[in-house]
PDB file of N, CA and C in Angstrom:
ATOM      1  N   UNK A   1      99.848 148.612 130.328  1.00  0.00           N
ATOM      2  CA  UNK A   1      98.971 148.036 131.147  1.00  0.00           C
ATOM      3  C   UNK A   1      97.602 148.309 130.490  1.00  0.00           C
ATOM      4  N   UNK A   2      96.670 147.358 130.489  1.00  0.00           N
ATOM      5  CA  UNK A   2      95.343 147.591 129.981  1.00  0.00           C
ATOM      6  C   UNK A   2      94.481 148.623 130.834  1.00  0.00           C
ATOM      7  N   UNK A   3      93.634 149.107 130.082  1.00  0.00           N
ATOM      8  CA  UNK A   3      92.675 150.064 130.781  1.00  0.00           C
ATOM      9  C   UNK A   3      91.569 149.256 131.404  1.00  0.00           C
ATOM     10  N   UNK A   4      90.940 149.689 132.450  1.00  0.00           N
ATOM     11  CA  UNK A   4      89.817 149.176 133.123  1.00  0.00           C
ATOM     12  C   UNK A   4      88.581 149.201 132.044  1.00  0.00           C
ATOM     13  N   UNK A   5      87.668 148.082 132.219  1.00  0.00           N
ATOM     14  CA  UNK A   5      86.503 148.270 131.433  1.00  0.00           C
ATOM     15  C   UNK A   5      85.727 149.476 131.853  1.00  0.00           C
ATOM     16  N   UNK A   6      85.044 150.157 130.812  1.00  0.00           N
ATOM     17  CA  UNK A   6      84.258 151.291 131.235  1.00  0.00           C
ATOM     18  C   UNK A   6      85.013 152.595 131.130  1.00  0.00           C
ATOM     19  N   UNK A   7      86.332 152.635 131.261  1.00  0.00           N
ATOM     20  CA  UNK A   7      87.036 153.782 131.146  1.00  0.00           C
ATOM     21  C   UNK A   7      86.749 154.640 129.943  1.00  0.00           C
ATOM     22  N   UNK A   8      86.488 155.740 129.959  1.00  0.00           N
ATOM     23  CA  UNK A   8      86.516 156.524 128.557  1.00  0.00           C
ATOM     24  C   UNK A   8      87.697 157.136 128.117  1.00  0.00           C
ATOM     25  N   UNK A   9      87.811 157.169 126.940  1.00  0.00           N
ATOM     26  CA  UNK A   9      88.969 157.848 126.320  1.00  0.00           C
ATOM     27  C   UNK A   9      88.852 159.244 126.468  1.00  0.00           C
ATOM     28  N   UNK A  10      90.001 159.902 126.696  1.00  0.00           N
ATOM     29  CA  UNK A  10      89.883 161.303 127.004  1.00  0.00           C
ATOM     30  C   UNK A  10      89.174 161.999 125.893  1.00  0.00           C
ATOM     31  N   UNK A  11      88.213 162.936 126.389  1.00  0.00           N
ATOM     32  CA  UNK A  11      87.566 163.756 125.250  1.00  0.00           C
ATOM     33  C   UNK A  11      86.185 163.119 124.915  1.00  0.00           C
ATOM     34  N   UNK A  12      85.886 161.935 125.199  1.00  0.00           N
ATOM     35  CA  UNK A  12      84.567 161.281 124.800  1.00  0.00           C
ATOM     36  C   UNK A  12      83.413 161.480 125.849  1.00  0.00           C
ATOM     37  N   UNK A  13      83.739 161.838 127.089  1.00  0.00           N
ATOM     38  CA  UNK A  13      82.813 162.037 127.992  1.00  0.00           C
ATOM     39  C   UNK A  13      81.804 163.273 127.578  1.00  0.00           C
ATOM     40  N   UNK A  14      82.319 164.323 127.120  1.00  0.00           N
ATOM     41  CA  UNK A  14      81.518 165.268 126.627  1.00  0.00           C
ATOM     42  C   UNK A  14      80.629 164.952 125.367  1.00  0.00           C
ATOM     43  N   UNK A  15      81.138 164.204 124.513  1.00  0.00           N
ATOM     44  CA  UNK A  15      80.362 163.793 123.492  1.00  0.00           C
ATOM     45  C   UNK A  15      79.275 162.806 123.817  1.00  0.00           C
ATOM     46  N   UNK A  16      79.479 161.903 124.799  1.00  0.00           N
ATOM     47  CA  UNK A  16      78.225 160.994 125.157  1.00  0.00           C
ATOM     48  C   UNK A  16      77.233 161.923 126.001  1.00  0.00           C
ATOM     49  N   UNK A  17      77.783 162.757 126.860  1.00  0.00           N
ATOM     50  CA  UNK A  17      76.738 163.672 127.407  1.00  0.00           C
ATOM     51  C   UNK A  17      75.924 164.469 126.656  1.00  0.00           C
ATOM     52  N   UNK A  18      76.648 165.111 125.553  1.00  0.00           N
ATOM     53  CA  UNK A  18      75.811 165.856 124.434  1.00  0.00           C
ATOM     54  C   UNK A  18      74.749 164.938 123.854  1.00  0.00           C
ATOM     55  N   UNK A  19      75.167 163.869 123.439  1.00  0.00           N
ATOM     56  CA  UNK A  19      74.353 162.809 122.830  1.00  0.00           C
ATOM     57  C   UNK A  19      73.003 162.534 123.653  1.00  0.00           C
ATOM     58  N   UNK A  20      73.242 162.361 125.036  1.00  0.00           N
ATOM     59  CA  UNK A  20      72.212 162.093 125.925  1.00  0.00           C
ATOM     60  C   UNK A  20      71.247 163.224 126.100  1.00  0.00           C
ATOM     61  N   UNK A  21      71.779 164.484 125.791  1.00  0.00           N
ATOM     62  CA  UNK A  21      70.971 165.549 125.826  1.00  0.00           C
ATOM     63  C   UNK A  21      70.301 165.959 124.556  1.00  0.00           C
ATOM     64  N   UNK A  22      70.562 165.294 123.457  1.00  0.00           N
ATOM     65  CA  UNK A  22      70.104 165.637 122.141  1.00  0.00           C
ATOM     66  C   UNK A  22      68.642 165.925 122.132  1.00  0.00           C
ATOM     67  N   UNK A  23      67.762 165.112 122.671  1.00  0.00           N
ATOM     68  CA  UNK A  23      66.412 165.147 122.490  1.00  0.00           C
ATOM     69  C   UNK A  23      65.502 165.701 123.676  1.00  0.00           C
ATOM     70  N   UNK A  24      66.240 165.827 124.823  1.00  0.00           N
ATOM     71  CA  UNK A  24      65.353 166.386 125.982  1.00  0.00           C
ATOM     72  C   UNK A  24      66.489 166.694 127.040  1.00  0.00           C
ATOM     73  N   UNK A  25      66.097 167.668 127.898  1.00  0.00           N
ATOM     74  CA  UNK A  25      66.841 168.105 128.857  1.00  0.00           C
ATOM     75  C   UNK A  25      66.781 167.104 129.957  1.00  0.00           C
ATOM     76  N   UNK A  26      67.884 166.866 130.895  1.00  0.00           N
ATOM     77  CA  UNK A  26      67.981 166.002 131.896  1.00  0.00           C
ATOM     78  C   UNK A  26      68.798 166.769 133.090  1.00  0.00           C
ATOM     79  N   UNK A  27      68.436 166.080 134.143  1.00  0.00           N
ATOM     80  CA  UNK A  27      69.400 166.455 135.338  1.00  0.00           C
ATOM     81  C   UNK A  27      70.635 165.516 135.362  1.00  0.00           C
ATOM     82  N   UNK A  28      71.656 165.752 136.046  1.00  0.00           N
ATOM     83  CA  UNK A  28      72.683 165.084 136.069  1.00  0.00           C
ATOM     84  C   UNK A  28      72.670 163.499 136.367  1.00  0.00           C
ATOM     85  N   UNK A  29      71.793 163.299 137.312  1.00  0.00           N
ATOM     86  CA  UNK A  29      71.543 161.929 137.729  1.00  0.00           C
ATOM     87  C   UNK A  29      70.954 161.061 136.591  1.00  0.00           C
ATOM     88  N   UNK A  30      70.027 161.753 135.902  1.00  0.00           N
ATOM     89  CA  UNK A  30      69.272 161.040 134.715  1.00  0.00           C
ATOM     90  C   UNK A  30      70.299 160.856 133.567  1.00  0.00           C
ATOM     91  N   UNK A  31      71.119 161.696 133.307  1.00  0.00           N
ATOM     92  CA  UNK A  31      72.236 161.633 132.352  1.00  0.00           C
ATOM     93  C   UNK A  31      73.046 160.408 132.638  1.00  0.00           C
ATOM     94  N   UNK A  32      73.525 160.179 133.770  1.00  0.00           N
ATOM     95  CA  UNK A  32      74.277 159.073 134.333  1.00  0.00           C
ATOM     96  C   UNK A  32      73.529 157.913 134.024  1.00  0.00           C
ATOM     97  N   UNK A  33      72.248 157.785 134.487  1.00  0.00           N
ATOM     98  CA  UNK A  33      71.443 156.532 134.362  1.00  0.00           C
ATOM     99  C   UNK A  33      71.133 156.230 132.836  1.00  0.00           C
ATOM    100  N   UNK A  34      70.930 157.097 132.149  1.00  0.00           N
ATOM    101  CA  UNK A  34      70.591 157.090 130.722  1.00  0.00           C
ATOM    102  C   UNK A  34      71.859 156.297 130.024  1.00  0.00           C
ATOM    103  N   UNK A  35      73.102 156.928 130.243  1.00  0.00           N
ATOM    104  CA  UNK A  35      74.373 156.323 129.682  1.00  0.00           C
ATOM    105  C   UNK A  35      74.533 154.834 130.201  1.00  0.00           C
ATOM    106  N   UNK A  36      74.155 154.572 131.371  1.00  0.00           N
ATOM    107  CA  UNK A  36      74.367 153.162 131.902  1.00  0.00           C
ATOM    108  C   UNK A  36      73.268 152.403 131.061  1.00  0.00           C
ATOM    109  N   UNK A  37      72.244 152.800 130.931  1.00  0.00           N
ATOM    110  CA  UNK A  37      70.986 152.016 130.309  1.00  0.00           C
ATOM    111  C   UNK A  37      71.327 151.605 129.008  1.00  0.00           C
ATOM    112  N   UNK A  38      71.687 152.694 128.166  1.00  0.00           N
ATOM    113  CA  UNK A  38      71.977 152.372 126.718  1.00  0.00           C
ATOM    114  C   UNK A  38      73.258 151.658 126.330  1.00  0.00           C
ATOM    115  N   UNK A  39      74.046 151.681 127.336  1.00  0.00           N
ATOM    116  CA  UNK A  39      75.333 150.796 127.154  1.00  0.00           C
ATOM    117  C   UNK A  39      75.311 149.569 127.960  1.00  0.00           C
ATOM    118  N   UNK A  40      74.202 149.094 128.527  1.00  0.00           N
ATOM    119  CA  UNK A  40      74.177 147.821 129.362  1.00  0.00           C
ATOM    120  C   UNK A  40      75.223 147.992 130.550  1.00  0.00           C
ATOM    121  N   UNK A  41      75.388 149.153 131.030  1.00  0.00           N
ATOM    122  CA  UNK A  41      76.317 149.340 132.206  1.00  0.00           C
ATOM    123  C   UNK A  41      77.645 149.252 131.827  1.00  0.00           C
ATOM    124  N   UNK A  42      77.944 149.369 130.512  1.00  0.00           N
ATOM    125  CA  UNK A  42      79.454 149.617 130.247  1.00  0.00           C
ATOM    126  C   UNK A  42      80.083 150.798 130.653  1.00  0.00           C
ATOM    127  N   UNK A  43      79.272 151.872 130.544  1.00  0.00           N
ATOM    128  CA  UNK A  43      79.496 153.239 130.849  1.00  0.00           C
ATOM    129  C   UNK A  43      78.960 153.611 132.095  1.00  0.00           C
ATOM    130  N   UNK A  44      79.750 153.680 133.198  1.00  0.00           N
ATOM    131  CA  UNK A  44      79.430 154.146 134.380  1.00  0.00           C
ATOM    132  C   UNK A  44      80.137 155.469 134.670  1.00  0.00           C
ATOM    133  N   UNK A  45      79.221 156.421 134.746  1.00  0.00           N
ATOM    134  CA  UNK A  45      79.755 157.815 134.995  1.00  0.00           C
ATOM    135  C   UNK A  45      79.720 158.268 136.355  1.00  0.00           C
ATOM    136  N   UNK A  46      80.708 158.548 137.083  1.00  0.00           N
ATOM    137  CA  UNK A  46      80.680 158.979 138.478  1.00  0.00           C
ATOM    138  C   UNK A  46      80.443 160.547 138.554  1.00  0.00           C
ATOM    139  N   UNK A  47      79.771 160.957 139.707  1.00  0.00           N
ATOM    140  CA  UNK A  47      79.618 162.318 139.752  1.00  0.00           C
ATOM    141  C   UNK A  47      80.915 163.142 139.652  1.00  0.00           C
ATOM    142  N   UNK A  48      81.884 162.630 140.214  1.00  0.00           N
ATOM    143  CA  UNK A  48      83.205 163.262 140.190  1.00  0.00           C
ATOM    144  C   UNK A  48      83.737 163.509 138.690  1.00  0.00           C
ATOM    145  N   UNK A  49      83.211 162.846 137.766  1.00  0.00           N
ATOM    146  CA  UNK A  49      83.528 163.214 136.545  1.00  0.00           C
ATOM    147  C   UNK A  49      82.444 163.889 135.581  1.00  0.00           C
ATOM    148  N   UNK A  50      81.139 163.480 135.943  1.00  0.00           N
ATOM    149  CA  UNK A  50      80.083 164.000 135.293  1.00  0.00           C
ATOM    150  C   UNK A  50      79.815 165.517 135.456  1.00  0.00           C
ATOM    151  N   UNK A  51      80.051 166.086 136.774  1.00  0.00           N
ATOM    152  CA  UNK A  51      79.435 167.331 137.004  1.00  0.00           C
ATOM    153  C   UNK A  51      80.625 168.304 136.380  1.00  0.00           C
ATOM    154  N   UNK A  52      81.916 167.988 136.536  1.00  0.00           N
ATOM    155  CA  UNK A  52      82.845 168.917 135.988  1.00  0.00           C
ATOM    156  C   UNK A  52      82.750 168.919 134.542  1.00  0.00           C
ATOM    157  N   UNK A  53      82.422 167.770 133.783  1.00  0.00           N
ATOM    158  CA  UNK A  53      82.276 167.621 132.360  1.00  0.00           C
ATOM    159  C   UNK A  53      81.008 168.555 131.985  1.00  0.00           C
ATOM    160  N   UNK A  54      80.022 168.421 132.679  1.00  0.00           N
ATOM    161  CA  UNK A  54      78.857 169.231 132.471  1.00  0.00           C
ATOM    162  C   UNK A  54      79.225 170.827 132.479  1.00  0.00           C
ATOM    163  N   UNK A  55      80.006 171.154 133.536  1.00  0.00           N
ATOM    164  CA  UNK A  55      80.259 172.607 133.737  1.00  0.00           C
ATOM    165  C   UNK A  55      81.319 173.061 132.588  1.00  0.00           C
ATOM    166  N   UNK A  56      82.283 172.086 132.053  1.00  0.00           N
ATOM    167  CA  UNK A  56      83.116 172.655 130.948  1.00  0.00           C
ATOM    168  C   UNK A  56      82.126 172.697 129.724  1.00  0.00           C
ATOM    169  N   UNK A  57      81.169 171.762 129.417  1.00  0.00           N
ATOM    170  CA  UNK A  57      80.182 171.843 128.358  1.00  0.00           C
ATOM    171  C   UNK A  57      79.487 173.317 128.518  1.00  0.00           C
ATOM    172  N   UNK A  58      79.135 173.612 129.515  1.00  0.00           N
ATOM    173  CA  UNK A  58      78.328 174.826 129.837  1.00  0.00           C
ATOM    174  C   UNK A  58      79.205 176.132 129.528  1.00  0.00           C
ATOM    175  N   UNK A  59      80.470 176.053 130.072  1.00  0.00           N
ATOM    176  CA  UNK A  59      81.487 177.164 129.837  1.00  0.00           C
ATOM    177  C   UNK A  59      81.759 177.362 128.361  1.00  0.00           C
ATOM    178  N   UNK A  60      81.672 176.267 127.621  1.00  0.00           N
ATOM    179  CA  UNK A  60      81.901 176.335 126.176  1.00  0.00           C
ATOM    180  C   UNK A  60      80.548 176.951 125.509  1.00  0.00           C
ATOM    181  N   UNK A  61      79.530 176.869 126.129  1.00  0.00           N
ATOM    182  CA  UNK A  61      78.187 177.312 125.429  1.00  0.00           C
ATOM    183  C   UNK A  61      77.602 176.213 124.733  1.00  0.00           C
ATOM    184  N   UNK A  62      77.967 174.887 124.931  1.00  0.00           N
ATOM    185  CA  UNK A  62      77.360 173.827 124.298  1.00  0.00           C
ATOM    186  C   UNK A  62      76.117 173.166 124.928  1.00  0.00           C
ATOM    187  N   UNK A  63      76.121 173.748 126.316  1.00  0.00           N
ATOM    188  CA  UNK A  63      75.085 173.103 127.104  1.00  0.00           C
ATOM    189  C   UNK A  63      74.531 174.338 127.996  1.00  0.00           C
ATOM    190  N   UNK A  64      73.268 174.427 128.327  1.00  0.00           N
ATOM    191  CA  UNK A  64      72.816 175.488 129.282  1.00  0.00           C
ATOM    192  C   UNK A  64      72.072 174.825 130.372  1.00  0.00           C
ATOM    193  N   UNK A  65      71.848 175.362 131.521  1.00  0.00           N
ATOM    194  CA  UNK A  65      71.233 174.729 132.617  1.00  0.00           C
ATOM    195  C   UNK A  65      70.292 175.668 133.328  1.00  0.00           C
ATOM    196  N   UNK A  66      69.314 175.113 134.154  1.00  0.00           N
ATOM    197  CA  UNK A  66      68.386 175.748 134.727  1.00  0.00           C
ATOM    198  C   UNK A  66      67.946 174.966 136.024  1.00  0.00           C
ATOM    199  N   UNK A  67      67.596 175.505 137.061  1.00  0.00           N
ATOM    200  CA  UNK A  67      67.101 174.931 138.396  1.00  0.00           C
ATOM    201  C   UNK A  67      65.561 174.638 138.141  1.00  0.00           C
ATOM    202  N   UNK A  68      65.211 173.492 138.547  1.00  0.00           N
ATOM    203  CA  UNK A  68      63.735 173.021 138.338  1.00  0.00           C
ATOM    204  C   UNK A  68      63.508 172.021 139.396  1.00  0.00           C
ATOM    205  N   UNK A  69      62.281 171.398 139.495  1.00  0.00           N
ATOM    206  CA  UNK A  69      61.927 170.320 140.342  1.00  0.00           C
ATOM    207  C   UNK A  69      61.975 169.098 139.546  1.00  0.00           C
ATOM    208  N   UNK A  70      62.634 167.926 140.115  1.00  0.00           N
ATOM    209  CA  UNK A  70      62.799 166.656 139.397  1.00  0.00           C
ATOM    210  C   UNK A  70      61.556 165.963 139.609  1.00  0.00           C
ATOM    211  N   UNK A  71      61.356 164.725 138.950  1.00  0.00           N
ATOM    212  CA  UNK A  71      60.150 163.786 139.072  1.00  0.00           C
ATOM    213  C   UNK A  71      60.050 163.469 140.514  1.00  0.00           C
ATOM    214  N   UNK A  72      61.236 163.356 141.177  1.00  0.00           N
ATOM    215  CA  UNK A  72      61.205 162.778 142.652  1.00  0.00           C
ATOM    216  C   UNK A  72      61.005 164.007 143.736  1.00  0.00           C
ATOM    217  N   UNK A  73      60.365 165.265 143.139  1.00  0.00           N
ATOM    218  CA  UNK A  73      60.120 166.433 143.799  1.00  0.00           C
ATOM    219  C   UNK A  73      61.264 167.051 144.543  1.00  0.00           C
ATOM    220  N   UNK A  74      62.395 166.838 144.041  1.00  0.00           N
ATOM    221  CA  UNK A  74      63.629 167.425 144.532  1.00  0.00           C
ATOM    222  C   UNK A  74      64.065 168.519 143.457  1.00  0.00           C
ATOM    223  N   UNK A  75      64.879 169.654 144.116  1.00  0.00           N
ATOM    224  CA  UNK A  75      65.309 170.832 143.326  1.00  0.00           C
ATOM    225  C   UNK A  75      66.529 170.126 142.553  1.00  0.00           C
ATOM    226  N   UNK A  76      66.670 170.244 141.259  1.00  0.00           N
ATOM    227  CA  UNK A  76      67.829 169.737 140.440  1.00  0.00           C
ATOM    228  C   UNK A  76      68.222 170.672 139.421  1.00  0.00           C
ATOM    229  N   UNK A  77      69.395 170.576 138.990  1.00  0.00           N
ATOM    230  CA  UNK A  77      69.841 171.370 137.789  1.00  0.00           C
ATOM    231  C   UNK A  77      69.665 170.570 136.506  1.00  0.00           C
ATOM    232  N   UNK A  78      68.936 171.147 135.610  1.00  0.00           N
ATOM    233  CA  UNK A  78      68.467 170.417 134.393  1.00  0.00           C
ATOM    234  C   UNK A  78      69.482 171.124 133.272  1.00  0.00           C
ATOM    235  N   UNK A  79      69.892 170.099 132.435  1.00  0.00           N
ATOM    236  CA  UNK A  79      70.950 170.461 131.416  1.00  0.00           C
ATOM    237  C   UNK A  79      70.157 170.257 130.011  1.00  0.00           C
ATOM    238  N   UNK A  80      70.540 171.229 128.962  1.00  0.00           N
ATOM    239  CA  UNK A  80      69.914 171.175 127.791  1.00  0.00           C
ATOM    240  C   UNK A  80      71.011 171.461 126.807  1.00  0.00           C
ATOM    241  N   UNK A  81      71.082 170.823 125.560  1.00  0.00           N
ATOM    242  CA  UNK A  81      72.086 171.064 124.593  1.00  0.00           C
ATOM    243  C   UNK A  81      71.575 172.337 123.911  1.00  0.00           C
ATOM    244  N   UNK A  82      72.349 173.279 123.572  1.00  0.00           N
ATOM    245  CA  UNK A  82      72.262 174.416 122.843  1.00  0.00           C
ATOM    246  C   UNK A  82      72.242 174.286 121.316  1.00  0.00           C
ATOM    247  N   UNK A  83      72.090 175.147 120.460  1.00  0.00           N
ATOM    248  CA  UNK A  83      72.176 175.022 119.201  1.00  0.00           C
ATOM    249  C   UNK A  83      73.828 174.995 118.899  1.00  0.00           C
ATOM    250  N   UNK A  84      74.627 175.594 119.479  1.00  0.00           N
ATOM    251  CA  UNK A  84      76.138 175.454 119.346  1.00  0.00           C
ATOM    252  C   UNK A  84      76.570 174.081 119.754  1.00  0.00           C
ATOM    253  N   UNK A  85      75.830 173.589 120.826  1.00  0.00           N
ATOM    254  CA  UNK A  85      76.245 172.171 121.178  1.00  0.00           C
ATOM    255  C   UNK A  85      75.771 171.138 120.173  1.00  0.00           C
ATOM    256  N   UNK A  86      74.655 171.386 119.499  1.00  0.00           N
ATOM    257  CA  UNK A  86      74.346 170.461 118.467  1.00  0.00           C
ATOM    258  C   UNK A  86      75.112 170.369 117.407  1.00  0.00           C
ATOM    259  N   UNK A  87      75.735 171.591 116.886  1.00  0.00           N
ATOM    260  CA  UNK A  87      76.761 171.826 115.861  1.00  0.00           C
ATOM    261  C   UNK A  87      77.912 170.968 116.254  1.00  0.00           C
ATOM    262  N   UNK A  88      78.435 171.057 117.642  1.00  0.00           N
ATOM    263  CA  UNK A  88      79.581 170.601 118.092  1.00  0.00           C
ATOM    264  C   UNK A  88      79.292 168.923 118.176  1.00  0.00           C
ATOM    265  N   UNK A  89      78.262 168.453 118.614  1.00  0.00           N
ATOM    266  CA  UNK A  89      78.048 167.148 118.681  1.00  0.00           C
ATOM    267  C   UNK A  89      78.079 166.501 117.353  1.00  0.00           C
ATOM    268  N   UNK A  90      77.510 167.052 116.396  1.00  0.00           N
ATOM    269  CA  UNK A  90      77.630 166.555 114.898  1.00  0.00           C
ATOM    270  C   UNK A  90      79.056 166.498 114.455  1.00  0.00           C
ATOM    271  N   UNK A  91      79.976 167.518 114.680  1.00  0.00           N
ATOM    272  CA  UNK A  91      81.295 167.423 114.511  1.00  0.00           C
ATOM    273  C   UNK A  91      82.134 166.412 115.099  1.00  0.00           C
ATOM    274  N   UNK A  92      81.824 166.431 116.491  1.00  0.00           N
ATOM    275  CA  UNK A  92      82.600 165.229 117.376  1.00  0.00           C
ATOM    276  C   UNK A  92      82.170 163.917 116.896  1.00  0.00           C
ATOM    277  N   UNK A  93      80.856 163.656 116.781  1.00  0.00           N
ATOM    278  CA  UNK A  93      80.327 162.352 116.338  1.00  0.00           C
ATOM    279  C   UNK A  93      80.930 161.789 114.996  1.00  0.00           C
ATOM    280  N   UNK A  94      81.132 162.786 114.079  1.00  0.00           N
ATOM    281  CA  UNK A  94      81.498 162.440 112.776  1.00  0.00           C
ATOM    282  C   UNK A  94      83.066 162.005 112.848  1.00  0.00           C
ATOM    283  N   UNK A  95      83.914 162.738 113.771  1.00  0.00           N
ATOM    284  CA  UNK A  95      85.305 162.566 113.893  1.00  0.00           C
ATOM    285  C   UNK A  95      85.444 161.143 114.781  1.00  0.00           C
ATOM    286  N   UNK A  96      84.579 160.951 115.729  1.00  0.00           N
ATOM    287  CA  UNK A  96      84.658 159.817 116.608  1.00  0.00           C
ATOM    288  C   UNK A  96      84.447 158.524 115.690  1.00  0.00           C
ATOM    289  N   UNK A  97      83.301 158.627 114.969  1.00  0.00           N
ATOM    290  CA  UNK A  97      82.874 157.511 114.084  1.00  0.00           C
ATOM    291  C   UNK A  97      84.209 157.162 112.949  1.00  0.00           C
ATOM    292  N   UNK A  98      84.773 158.198 112.492  1.00  0.00           N
ATOM    293  CA  UNK A  98      85.931 157.744 111.748  1.00  0.00           C
ATOM    294  C   UNK A  98      86.986 157.165 112.476  1.00  0.00           C
ATOM    295  N   UNK A  99      87.305 157.658 113.612  1.00  0.00           N
ATOM    296  CA  UNK A  99      88.353 156.972 114.460  1.00  0.00           C
ATOM    297  C   UNK A  99      87.874 155.746 114.788  1.00  0.00           C
ATOM    298  N   UNK A 100      86.654 155.438 115.190  1.00  0.00           N
ATOM    299  CA  UNK A 100      86.240 154.099 115.576  1.00  0.00           C
ATOM    300  C   UNK A 100      86.441 153.079 114.432  1.00  0.00           C
ATOM    301  N   UNK A 101      85.895 153.510 113.285  1.00  0.00           N
ATOM    302  CA  UNK A 101      86.100 152.557 112.126  1.00  0.00           C
ATOM    303  C   UNK A 101      87.562 152.229 111.842  1.00  0.00           C
ATOM    304  N   UNK A 102      88.402 153.264 111.901  1.00  0.00           N
ATOM    305  CA  UNK A 102      89.942 152.959 111.919  1.00  0.00           C
ATOM    306  C   UNK A 102      90.403 152.005 112.724  1.00  0.00           C
ATOM    307  N   UNK A 103      90.124 152.041 113.981  1.00  0.00           N
ATOM    308  CA  UNK A 103      90.431 151.173 115.063  1.00  0.00           C
ATOM    309  C   UNK A 103      89.987 149.943 114.852  1.00  0.00           C
ATOM    310  N   UNK A 104      88.695 149.774 114.405  1.00  0.00           N
ATOM    311  CA  UNK A 104      87.948 148.508 114.190  1.00  0.00           C
ATOM    312  C   UNK A 104      88.961 147.686 112.946  1.00  0.00           C
ATOM    313  N   UNK A 105      89.265 148.496 111.877  1.00  0.00           N
ATOM    314  CA  UNK A 105      90.063 147.914 110.860  1.00  0.00           C
ATOM    315  C   UNK A 105      91.341 147.321 111.432  1.00  0.00           C
ATOM    316  N   UNK A 106      92.040 148.176 112.152  1.00  0.00           N
ATOM    317  CA  UNK A 106      93.391 147.734 112.761  1.00  0.00           C
ATOM    318  C   UNK A 106      93.143 146.450 113.490  1.00  0.00           C
ATOM    319  N   UNK A 107      92.137 146.341 114.306  1.00  0.00           N
ATOM    320  CA  UNK A 107      91.891 145.233 115.110  1.00  0.00           C
ATOM    321  C   UNK A 107      91.516 143.997 114.312  1.00  0.00           C
ATOM    322  N   UNK A 108      90.715 144.041 113.360  1.00  0.00           N
ATOM    323  CA  UNK A 108      90.377 142.897 112.289  1.00  0.00           C
ATOM    324  C   UNK A 108      91.420 142.529 111.366  1.00  0.00           C
ATOM    325  N   UNK A 109      92.551 143.377 111.096  1.00  0.00           N
ATOM    326  CA  UNK A 109      93.612 142.962 110.222  1.00  0.00           C
ATOM    327  C   UNK A 109      94.412 141.984 110.841  1.00  0.00           C
ATOM    328  N   UNK A 110      94.953 140.926 110.100  1.00  0.00           N
ATOM    329  CA  UNK A 110      95.749 139.983 110.398  1.00  0.00           C
ATOM    330  C   UNK A 110      97.169 140.460 110.847  1.00  0.00           C
ATOM    331  N   UNK A 111      97.792 139.918 111.998  1.00  0.00           N
ATOM    332  CA  UNK A 111      97.148 139.004 112.776  1.00  0.00           C
ATOM    333  C   UNK A 111      96.193 139.400 113.553  1.00  0.00           C
ATOM    334  N   UNK A 112      95.160 138.656 113.621  1.00  0.00           N
ATOM    335  CA  UNK A 112      93.860 139.050 114.545  1.00  0.00           C
ATOM    336  C   UNK A 112      94.173 138.733 115.933  1.00  0.00           C
ATOM    337  N   UNK A 113      93.562 139.468 116.780  1.00  0.00           N
ATOM    338  CA  UNK A 113      93.639 139.307 118.189  1.00  0.00           C
ATOM    339  C   UNK A 113      92.459 138.189 118.651  1.00  0.00           C
ATOM    340  N   UNK A 114      93.013 137.178 119.389  1.00  0.00           N
ATOM    341  CA  UNK A 114      91.938 136.118 119.704  1.00  0.00           C
ATOM    342  C   UNK A 114      91.451 136.428 121.150  1.00  0.00           C
TER     343      UNK A 114
END
């Protein structure tokens, strides 16, 4: 059975979260909106997936968090990529790009999918 559009392959959620945090810290809602915006709403991350993923990244030392006041004047937890997270992001991105290229080659090889 085909997967629903927008479902992430296992293990990619952490990768895209770390990429979102590469240049600035963000709170969870901003991370989800950023991913929706840059993917034209293809990736829609629900709270039930986002916050456990952020916790796993934090437990691994790839993300750190702090409480602060958001632009909407609410208390929110802001997440930032750590040095170890940047190293991990680089490694995972390299692996993902090689995997993606390989899948693209398979899909473009005859007989082509129409």
